[in-house]
Each structure stands twice: as structure tokens, then as C-alpha cells.
Amino acid sequence: MFLTLVRFALDEPISLEDATRRFALSAPKYLDLPGLIRKHYVWSEDGRTVGGVYLWKSREDAEACHAGDWRERVRILYGVEPQISWFESPIGVDNLLGELI
């Protein structure tokens, strides 16, 4: 598995309510996205950083998503360039399923 941490360092803070509204607008685009296992949206308490944590089947799936149209869409939505960190995720714990993945 592969994990990406995507952050947007905002020029002006946004409220949790505004962040949630923006997240809700983009969330349907990730349903049935090839290679995406799970995505969680994140918002910092000071409202200056938002983003997402993505779990992928492969790095290739992650790279395919975080390119081209996606970058333009998030630039428009947040007004800044995304900062992306890339990680191998060789094992995980899923307490909902009660298993190691």
C-alpha cells in the first residue's frame, strides 16, 4: 500500500465549517477512484492548514490522481499549491474490520 499526505498552507485561516463545506464539495469525486482505498480530510485547529490523507493500492495510483486536473482543481479551491509527502505503508491496523492490512 502507499500513503500520501497532502497539505495546503493557507494564506488566511478558514473555519472548520468552511473547510467541511469545501471537503463535502470534493468528496464525491473520490468515490470509486481507481486505486484509492481510503481518504480522510484534515483541518488544523488554527485553520491555516487543510488537506487529506490518502491510502492507495500503489504509488502509481497516487501519482495518477495527484497530477494534471487534480492540481488545477485544488489550486482553484484553496488558492495555493499542494504540498505532497509520499510514503510506503507496508502494514496497517483496521479496528473497524478488526484486522491487520
C-alpha atoms as a PDB file:
ATOM      1  CA  MET A   1       0.000   0.000   0.000  1.00  0.00           C
ATOM      2  CA  PHE A   2       1.001   3.589  -0.435  1.00  0.00           C
ATOM      3  CA  LEU A   3       0.053   6.715   1.531  1.00  0.00           C
ATOM      4  CA  THR A   4       0.062  10.366   0.543  1.00  0.00           C
ATOM      5  CA  LEU A   5      -0.245  13.277   2.932  1.00  0.00           C
ATOM      6  CA  VAL A   6      -1.484  16.351   1.083  1.00  0.00           C
ATOM      7  CA  ARG A   7      -1.409  19.753   2.805  1.00  0.00           C
ATOM      8  CA  PHE A   8      -2.443  23.235   1.794  1.00  0.00           C
ATOM      9  CA  ALA A   9      -0.811  26.057   3.772  1.00  0.00           C
ATOM     10  CA  LEU A  10      -3.457  28.754   3.505  1.00  0.00           C
ATOM     11  CA  ASP A  11      -2.706  32.473   3.400  1.00  0.00           C
ATOM     12  CA  GLU A  12      -5.788  33.155   5.530  1.00  0.00           C
ATOM     13  CA  PRO A  13      -7.290  30.739   8.067  1.00  0.00           C
ATOM     14  CA  ILE A  14     -10.650  29.130   7.379  1.00  0.00           C
ATOM     15  CA  SER A  15     -13.196  27.868   9.880  1.00  0.00           C
ATOM     16  CA  LEU A  16     -13.973  24.210  10.387  1.00  0.00           C
ATOM     17  CA  GLU A  17     -17.411  24.889   8.905  1.00  0.00           C
ATOM     18  CA  ASP A  18     -15.917  26.395   5.730  1.00  0.00           C
ATOM     19  CA  ALA A  19     -13.389  23.562   5.458  1.00  0.00           C
ATOM     20  CA  THR A  20     -16.163  20.987   5.892  1.00  0.00           C
ATOM     21  CA  ARG A  21     -18.214  22.661   3.152  1.00  0.00           C
ATOM     22  CA  ARG A  22     -15.227  22.556   0.777  1.00  0.00           C
ATOM     23  CA  PHE A  23     -14.475  18.939   1.683  1.00  0.00           C
ATOM     24  CA  ALA A  24     -18.093  17.947   1.040  1.00  0.00           C
ATOM     25  CA  LEU A  25     -17.902  19.501  -2.437  1.00  0.00           C
ATOM     26  CA  SER A  26     -14.863  17.451  -3.415  1.00  0.00           C
ATOM     27  CA  ALA A  27     -15.583  14.166  -1.596  1.00  0.00           C
ATOM     28  CA  PRO A  28     -17.870  12.624  -4.267  1.00  0.00           C
ATOM     29  CA  LYS A  29     -15.040  12.883  -6.825  1.00  0.00           C
ATOM     30  CA  TYR A  30     -13.090  10.278  -4.825  1.00  0.00           C
ATOM     31  CA  LEU A  31     -15.796   7.611  -4.767  1.00  0.00           C
ATOM     32  CA  ASP A  32     -14.696   4.664  -6.917  1.00  0.00           C
ATOM     33  CA  LEU A  33     -11.423   6.418  -7.840  1.00  0.00           C
ATOM     34  CA  PRO A  34      -9.089   3.741  -9.257  1.00  0.00           C
ATOM     35  CA  GLY A  35      -6.577   2.568  -6.662  1.00  0.00           C
ATOM     36  CA  LEU A  36      -7.902   4.683  -3.771  1.00  0.00           C
ATOM     37  CA  ILE A  37      -8.590   2.620  -0.660  1.00  0.00           C
ATOM     38  CA  ARG A  38      -9.456   5.415   1.756  1.00  0.00           C
ATOM     39  CA  LYS A  39      -9.257   9.192   2.128  1.00  0.00           C
ATOM     40  CA  HIS A  40      -9.556  11.325   5.253  1.00  0.00           C
ATOM     41  CA  TYR A  41      -9.812  15.103   5.132  1.00  0.00           C
ATOM     42  CA  VAL A  42      -7.867  17.111   7.719  1.00  0.00           C
ATOM     43  CA  TRP A  43      -8.118  20.635   9.151  1.00  0.00           C
ATOM     44  CA  SER A  44      -5.676  22.179  11.649  1.00  0.00           C
ATOM     45  CA  GLU A  45      -7.039  23.886  14.751  1.00  0.00           C
ATOM     46  CA  ASP A  46      -5.616  27.248  13.658  1.00  0.00           C
ATOM     47  CA  GLY A  47      -7.418  26.942  10.306  1.00  0.00           C
ATOM     48  CA  ARG A  48      -4.251  27.593   8.327  1.00  0.00           C
ATOM     49  CA  THR A  49      -3.662  24.047   7.072  1.00  0.00           C
ATOM     50  CA  VAL A  50      -6.129  21.727   5.366  1.00  0.00           C
ATOM     51  CA  GLY A  51      -5.623  18.630   3.301  1.00  0.00           C
ATOM     52  CA  GLY A  52      -6.054  14.913   3.115  1.00  0.00           C
ATOM     53  CA  VAL A  53      -4.521  11.591   3.989  1.00  0.00           C
ATOM     54  CA  TYR A  54      -4.922   9.057   1.193  1.00  0.00           C
ATOM     55  CA  LEU A  55      -4.313   5.310   1.271  1.00  0.00           C
ATOM     56  CA  TRP A  56      -3.620   3.825  -2.166  1.00  0.00           C
ATOM     57  CA  LYS A  57      -3.072   0.391  -3.663  1.00  0.00           C
ATOM     58  CA  SER A  58       0.140   1.681  -5.310  1.00  0.00           C
ATOM     59  CA  ARG A  59       2.317   4.740  -5.833  1.00  0.00           C
ATOM     60  CA  GLU A  60       1.304   4.719  -9.493  1.00  0.00           C
ATOM     61  CA  ASP A  61      -2.345   5.140  -8.486  1.00  0.00           C
ATOM     62  CA  ALA A  62      -1.387   8.039  -6.201  1.00  0.00           C
ATOM     63  CA  GLU A  63       0.699   9.745  -8.883  1.00  0.00           C
ATOM     64  CA  ALA A  64      -2.109   9.379 -11.423  1.00  0.00           C
ATOM     65  CA  CYS A  65      -4.523  11.157  -9.077  1.00  0.00           C
ATOM     66  CA  HIS A  66      -2.210  13.922  -7.828  1.00  0.00           C
ATOM     67  CA  ALA A  67      -1.394  15.250 -11.303  1.00  0.00           C
ATOM     68  CA  GLY A  68      -2.860  17.485 -14.011  1.00  0.00           C
ATOM     69  CA  ASP A  69      -6.552  18.261 -13.497  1.00  0.00           C
ATOM     70  CA  TRP A  70      -6.443  17.472  -9.773  1.00  0.00           C
ATOM     71  CA  ARG A  71      -3.693  20.047  -9.162  1.00  0.00           C
ATOM     72  CA  GLU A  72      -5.619  22.712 -11.062  1.00  0.00           C
ATOM     73  CA  ARG A  73      -8.843  21.929  -9.199  1.00  0.00           C
ATOM     74  CA  VAL A  74      -7.218  22.194  -5.758  1.00  0.00           C
ATOM     75  CA  ARG A  75      -5.374  25.386  -6.732  1.00  0.00           C
ATOM     76  CA  ILE A  76      -8.747  26.948  -7.577  1.00  0.00           C
ATOM     77  CA  LEU A  77     -10.426  25.623  -4.410  1.00  0.00           C
ATOM     78  CA  TYR A  78      -7.658  26.641  -1.963  1.00  0.00           C
ATOM     79  CA  GLY A  79      -5.646  29.280  -3.822  1.00  0.00           C
ATOM     80  CA  VAL A  80      -2.279  27.622  -3.077  1.00  0.00           C
ATOM     81  CA  GLU A  81      -0.080  24.808  -4.365  1.00  0.00           C
ATOM     82  CA  PRO A  82      -0.437  21.461  -2.601  1.00  0.00           C
ATOM     83  CA  GLN A  83       2.432  20.064  -0.552  1.00  0.00           C
ATOM     84  CA  ILE A  84       2.555  16.293  -1.019  1.00  0.00           C
ATOM     85  CA  SER A  85       4.500  13.787   1.082  1.00  0.00           C
ATOM     86  CA  TRP A  86       4.857  10.226  -0.240  1.00  0.00           C
ATOM     87  CA  PHE A  87       5.096   7.140   1.999  1.00  0.00           C
ATOM     88  CA  GLU A  88       5.222   3.370   1.634  1.00  0.00           C
ATOM     89  CA  SER A  89       2.689   1.830   4.036  1.00  0.00           C
ATOM     90  CA  PRO A  90       3.624  -1.839   4.389  1.00  0.00           C
ATOM     91  CA  ILE A  91       1.122  -2.630   7.166  1.00  0.00           C
ATOM     92  CA  GLY A  92      -1.922  -1.045   8.742  1.00  0.00           C
ATOM     93  CA  VAL A  93      -4.391  -1.673  11.542  1.00  0.00           C
ATOM     94  CA  ASP A  94      -8.113  -1.529  10.794  1.00  0.00           C
ATOM     95  CA  ASN A  95     -10.120  -1.593  14.014  1.00  0.00           C
ATOM     96  CA  LEU A  96     -13.438  -1.364  12.162  1.00  0.00           C
ATOM     97  CA  LEU A  97     -12.695  -4.650  10.401  1.00  0.00           C
ATOM     98  CA  GLY A  98     -10.690  -5.963  13.342  1.00  0.00           C
ATOM     99  CA  GLU A  99      -7.725  -6.904  11.220  1.00  0.00           C
ATOM    100  CA  LEU A 100      -4.231  -6.011  10.079  1.00  0.00           C
ATOM    101  CA  ILE A 101      -3.962  -4.927   6.472  1.00  0.00           C
END
